[in-house]
């Protein structure tokens, strides 16, 4: 299991994002936490 750090500014601004984007961000953070930093199955996400 990996540790994912999210800056305070990002945490504050998440509430301003559309709900669909918030859910995608939560899914991404969960994936990063479980599977590590290299996630090739996510579109537009690279090393």
PDB file of N, CA and C in Angstrom:
ATOM      1  N   UNK A   1       0.847  -1.178   0.000  1.00  0.00           N
ATOM      2  CA  UNK A   1       0.000   0.000   0.000  1.00  0.00           C
ATOM      3  C   UNK A   1       0.895   1.245   0.000  1.00  0.00           C
ATOM      4  N   UNK A   2       0.513   2.214  -0.798  1.00  0.00           N
ATOM      5  CA  UNK A   2       1.286   3.440  -0.945  1.00  0.00           C
ATOM      6  C   UNK A   2       0.602   4.593  -0.212  1.00  0.00           C
ATOM      7  N   UNK A   3       1.382   5.609   0.124  1.00  0.00           N
ATOM      8  CA  UNK A   3       0.855   6.807   0.765  1.00  0.00           C
ATOM      9  C   UNK A   3       0.675   7.881  -0.304  1.00  0.00           C
ATOM     10  N   UNK A   4      -0.509   8.494  -0.352  1.00  0.00           N
ATOM     11  CA  UNK A   4      -0.795   9.558  -1.317  1.00  0.00           C
ATOM     12  C   UNK A   4      -0.954  10.851  -0.538  1.00  0.00           C
ATOM     13  N   UNK A   5      -0.130  11.835  -0.861  1.00  0.00           N
ATOM     14  CA  UNK A   5      -0.193  13.134  -0.190  1.00  0.00           C
ATOM     15  C   UNK A   5      -0.981  14.115  -1.056  1.00  0.00           C
ATOM     16  N   UNK A   6      -1.940  14.785  -0.441  1.00  0.00           N
ATOM     17  CA  UNK A   6      -2.748  15.785  -1.135  1.00  0.00           C
ATOM     18  C   UNK A   6      -2.582  17.097  -0.379  1.00  0.00           C
ATOM     19  N   UNK A   7      -2.150  18.130  -1.086  1.00  0.00           N
ATOM     20  CA  UNK A   7      -1.899  19.417  -0.447  1.00  0.00           C
ATOM     21  C   UNK A   7      -3.190  20.058   0.060  1.00  0.00           C
ATOM     22  N   UNK A   8      -3.062  20.902   1.077  1.00  0.00           N
ATOM     23  CA  UNK A   8      -4.224  21.548   1.689  1.00  0.00           C
ATOM     24  C   UNK A   8      -5.006  22.379   0.680  1.00  0.00           C
ATOM     25  N   UNK A   9      -4.317  23.068  -0.219  1.00  0.00           N
ATOM     26  CA  UNK A   9      -4.983  23.888  -1.233  1.00  0.00           C
ATOM     27  C   UNK A   9      -5.876  23.019  -2.115  1.00  0.00           C
ATOM     28  N   UNK A  10      -5.377  21.855  -2.488  1.00  0.00           N
ATOM     29  CA  UNK A  10      -6.153  20.934  -3.324  1.00  0.00           C
ATOM     30  C   UNK A  10      -7.392  20.474  -2.561  1.00  0.00           C
ATOM     31  N   UNK A  11      -7.209  20.130  -1.293  1.00  0.00           N
ATOM     32  CA  UNK A  11      -8.349  19.688  -0.483  1.00  0.00           C
ATOM     33  C   UNK A  11      -9.428  20.768  -0.403  1.00  0.00           C
ATOM     34  N   UNK A  12      -9.010  22.021  -0.290  1.00  0.00           N
ATOM     35  CA  UNK A  12      -9.973  23.129  -0.234  1.00  0.00           C
ATOM     36  C   UNK A  12     -10.715  23.288  -1.567  1.00  0.00           C
ATOM     37  N   UNK A  13      -9.983  23.123  -2.671  1.00  0.00           N
ATOM     38  CA  UNK A  13     -10.558  23.389  -3.986  1.00  0.00           C
ATOM     39  C   UNK A  13     -11.375  22.226  -4.542  1.00  0.00           C
ATOM     40  N   UNK A  14     -11.270  21.052  -3.952  1.00  0.00           N
ATOM     41  CA  UNK A  14     -12.025  19.894  -4.441  1.00  0.00           C
ATOM     42  C   UNK A  14     -13.523  20.175  -4.417  1.00  0.00           C
ATOM     43  N   UNK A  15     -13.988  20.880  -3.409  1.00  0.00           N
ATOM     44  CA  UNK A  15     -15.413  21.189  -3.285  1.00  0.00           C
ATOM     45  C   UNK A  15     -15.952  22.047  -4.416  1.00  0.00           C
ATOM     46  N   UNK A  16     -15.077  22.753  -5.112  1.00  0.00           N
ATOM     47  CA  UNK A  16     -15.495  23.621  -6.219  1.00  0.00           C
ATOM     48  C   UNK A  16     -15.629  22.860  -7.538  1.00  0.00           C
ATOM     49  N   UNK A  17     -15.096  21.634  -7.585  1.00  0.00           N
ATOM     50  CA  UNK A  17     -15.140  20.838  -8.807  1.00  0.00           C
ATOM     51  C   UNK A  17     -16.516  20.205  -8.997  1.00  0.00           C
ATOM     52  N   UNK A  18     -16.885  19.906 -10.240  1.00  0.00           N
ATOM     53  CA  UNK A  18     -18.134  19.171 -10.484  1.00  0.00           C
ATOM     54  C   UNK A  18     -18.081  17.800  -9.805  1.00  0.00           C
ATOM     55  N   UNK A  19     -19.245  17.288  -9.444  1.00  0.00           N
ATOM     56  CA  UNK A  19     -19.328  16.035  -8.700  1.00  0.00           C
ATOM     57  C   UNK A  19     -18.668  14.864  -9.437  1.00  0.00           C
ATOM     58  N   UNK A  20     -18.845  14.802 -10.753  1.00  0.00           N
ATOM     59  CA  UNK A  20     -18.245  13.711 -11.536  1.00  0.00           C
ATOM     60  C   UNK A  20     -16.717  13.751 -11.446  1.00  0.00           C
ATOM     61  N   UNK A  21     -16.140  14.945 -11.462  1.00  0.00           N
ATOM     62  CA  UNK A  21     -14.687  15.098 -11.368  1.00  0.00           C
ATOM     63  C   UNK A  21     -14.208  14.730  -9.965  1.00  0.00           C
ATOM     64  N   UNK A  22     -14.978  15.102  -8.951  1.00  0.00           N
ATOM     65  CA  UNK A  22     -14.631  14.737  -7.578  1.00  0.00           C
ATOM     66  C   UNK A  22     -14.569  13.216  -7.424  1.00  0.00           C
ATOM     67  N   UNK A  23     -15.546  12.515  -8.003  1.00  0.00           N
ATOM     68  CA  UNK A  23     -15.570  11.052  -7.923  1.00  0.00           C
ATOM     69  C   UNK A  23     -14.376  10.454  -8.657  1.00  0.00           C
ATOM     70  N   UNK A  24     -14.027  11.012  -9.820  1.00  0.00           N
ATOM     71  CA  UNK A  24     -12.874  10.522 -10.574  1.00  0.00           C
ATOM     72  C   UNK A  24     -11.583  10.729  -9.778  1.00  0.00           C
ATOM     73  N   UNK A  25     -11.481  11.859  -9.097  1.00  0.00           N
ATOM     74  CA  UNK A  25     -10.297  12.145  -8.286  1.00  0.00           C
ATOM     75  C   UNK A  25     -10.187  11.154  -7.128  1.00  0.00           C
ATOM     76  N   UNK A  26     -11.305  10.859  -6.487  1.00  0.00           N
ATOM     77  CA  UNK A  26     -11.300   9.878  -5.398  1.00  0.00           C
ATOM     78  C   UNK A  26     -10.880   8.512  -5.931  1.00  0.00           C
ATOM     79  N   UNK A  27     -11.401   8.128  -7.101  1.00  0.00           N
ATOM     80  CA  UNK A  27     -11.023   6.847  -7.706  1.00  0.00           C
ATOM     81  C   UNK A  27      -9.530   6.810  -8.032  1.00  0.00           C
ATOM     82  N   UNK A  28      -9.004   7.902  -8.559  1.00  0.00           N
ATOM     83  CA  UNK A  28      -7.581   7.970  -8.883  1.00  0.00           C
ATOM     84  C   UNK A  28      -6.736   7.836  -7.623  1.00  0.00           C
ATOM     85  N   UNK A  29      -7.092   8.554  -6.579  1.00  0.00           N
ATOM     86  CA  UNK A  29      -6.334   8.490  -5.326  1.00  0.00           C
ATOM     87  C   UNK A  29      -6.385   7.073  -4.754  1.00  0.00           C
ATOM     88  N   UNK A  30      -7.553   6.440  -4.797  1.00  0.00           N
ATOM     89  CA  UNK A  30      -7.669   5.058  -4.316  1.00  0.00           C
ATOM     90  C   UNK A  30      -6.791   4.114  -5.129  1.00  0.00           C
ATOM     91  N   UNK A  31      -6.791   4.277  -6.460  1.00  0.00           N
ATOM     92  CA  UNK A  31      -5.948   3.446  -7.324  1.00  0.00           C
ATOM     93  C   UNK A  31      -4.468   3.646  -7.005  1.00  0.00           C
ATOM     94  N   UNK A  32      -4.065   4.897  -6.850  1.00  0.00           N
ATOM     95  CA  UNK A  32      -2.668   5.193  -6.530  1.00  0.00           C
ATOM     96  C   UNK A  32      -2.278   4.578  -5.194  1.00  0.00           C
ATOM     97  N   UNK A  33      -3.170   4.665  -4.226  1.00  0.00           N
ATOM     98  CA  UNK A  33      -2.903   4.131  -2.893  1.00  0.00           C
ATOM     99  C   UNK A  33      -2.751   2.608  -2.941  1.00  0.00           C
ATOM    100  N   UNK A  34      -3.583   1.942  -3.719  1.00  0.00           N
ATOM    101  CA  UNK A  34      -3.577   0.476  -3.758  1.00  0.00           C
ATOM    102  C   UNK A  34      -2.526  -0.108  -4.704  1.00  0.00           C
ATOM    103  N   UNK A  35      -2.341   0.511  -5.872  1.00  0.00           N
ATOM    104  CA  UNK A  35      -1.544  -0.120  -6.927  1.00  0.00           C
ATOM    105  C   UNK A  35      -0.220   0.576  -7.223  1.00  0.00           C
ATOM    106  N   UNK A  36       0.020   1.739  -6.634  1.00  0.00           N
ATOM    107  CA  UNK A  36       1.290   2.411  -6.849  1.00  0.00           C
ATOM    108  C   UNK A  36       1.190   3.580  -7.819  1.00  0.00           C
ATOM    109  N   UNK A  37       2.304   4.247  -8.031  1.00  0.00           N
ATOM    110  CA  UNK A  37       2.306   5.504  -8.773  1.00  0.00           C
ATOM    111  C   UNK A  37       2.166   5.399 -10.293  1.00  0.00           C
ATOM    112  N   UNK A  38       2.440   4.250 -10.886  1.00  0.00           N
ATOM    113  CA  UNK A  38       2.357   4.123 -12.341  1.00  0.00           C
ATOM    114  C   UNK A  38       1.031   3.464 -12.705  1.00  0.00           C
ATOM    115  N   UNK A  39       0.115   4.240 -13.255  1.00  0.00           N
ATOM    116  CA  UNK A  39      -1.231   3.771 -13.593  1.00  0.00           C
ATOM    117  C   UNK A  39      -1.459   3.950 -15.081  1.00  0.00           C
ATOM    118  N   UNK A  40      -1.067   3.003 -15.880  1.00  0.00           N
ATOM    119  CA  UNK A  40      -1.184   3.114 -17.330  1.00  0.00           C
ATOM    120  C   UNK A  40      -2.621   2.995 -17.827  1.00  0.00           C
ATOM    121  N   UNK A  41      -3.511   2.410 -17.040  1.00  0.00           N
ATOM    122  CA  UNK A  41      -4.889   2.240 -17.503  1.00  0.00           C
ATOM    123  C   UNK A  41      -5.711   3.530 -17.415  1.00  0.00           C
ATOM    124  N   UNK A  42      -5.178   4.560 -16.778  1.00  0.00           N
ATOM    125  CA  UNK A  42      -5.889   5.843 -16.703  1.00  0.00           C
ATOM    126  C   UNK A  42      -5.535   6.669 -17.951  1.00  0.00           C
ATOM    127  N   UNK A  43      -6.546   7.231 -18.624  1.00  0.00           N
ATOM    128  CA  UNK A  43      -6.240   8.062 -19.793  1.00  0.00           C
ATOM    129  C   UNK A  43      -5.483   9.337 -19.387  1.00  0.00           C
ATOM    130  N   UNK A  44      -4.566   9.738 -20.226  1.00  0.00           N
ATOM    131  CA  UNK A  44      -3.769  10.964 -20.009  1.00  0.00           C
ATOM    132  C   UNK A  44      -2.935  10.930 -18.744  1.00  0.00           C
ATOM    133  N   UNK A  45      -2.579   9.758 -18.293  1.00  0.00           N
ATOM    134  CA  UNK A  45      -1.764   9.631 -17.078  1.00  0.00           C
ATOM    135  C   UNK A  45      -0.503   8.880 -17.456  1.00  0.00           C
ATOM    136  N   UNK A  46       0.637   9.521 -17.248  1.00  0.00           N
ATOM    137  CA  UNK A  46       1.902   8.889 -17.611  1.00  0.00           C
ATOM    138  C   UNK A  46       2.921   9.027 -16.498  1.00  0.00           C
ATOM    139  N   UNK A  47       4.097   8.480 -16.754  1.00  0.00           N
ATOM    140  CA  UNK A  47       5.179   8.543 -15.774  1.00  0.00           C
ATOM    141  C   UNK A  47       5.531   9.977 -15.576  1.00  0.00           C
TER     142      UNK A  47
END
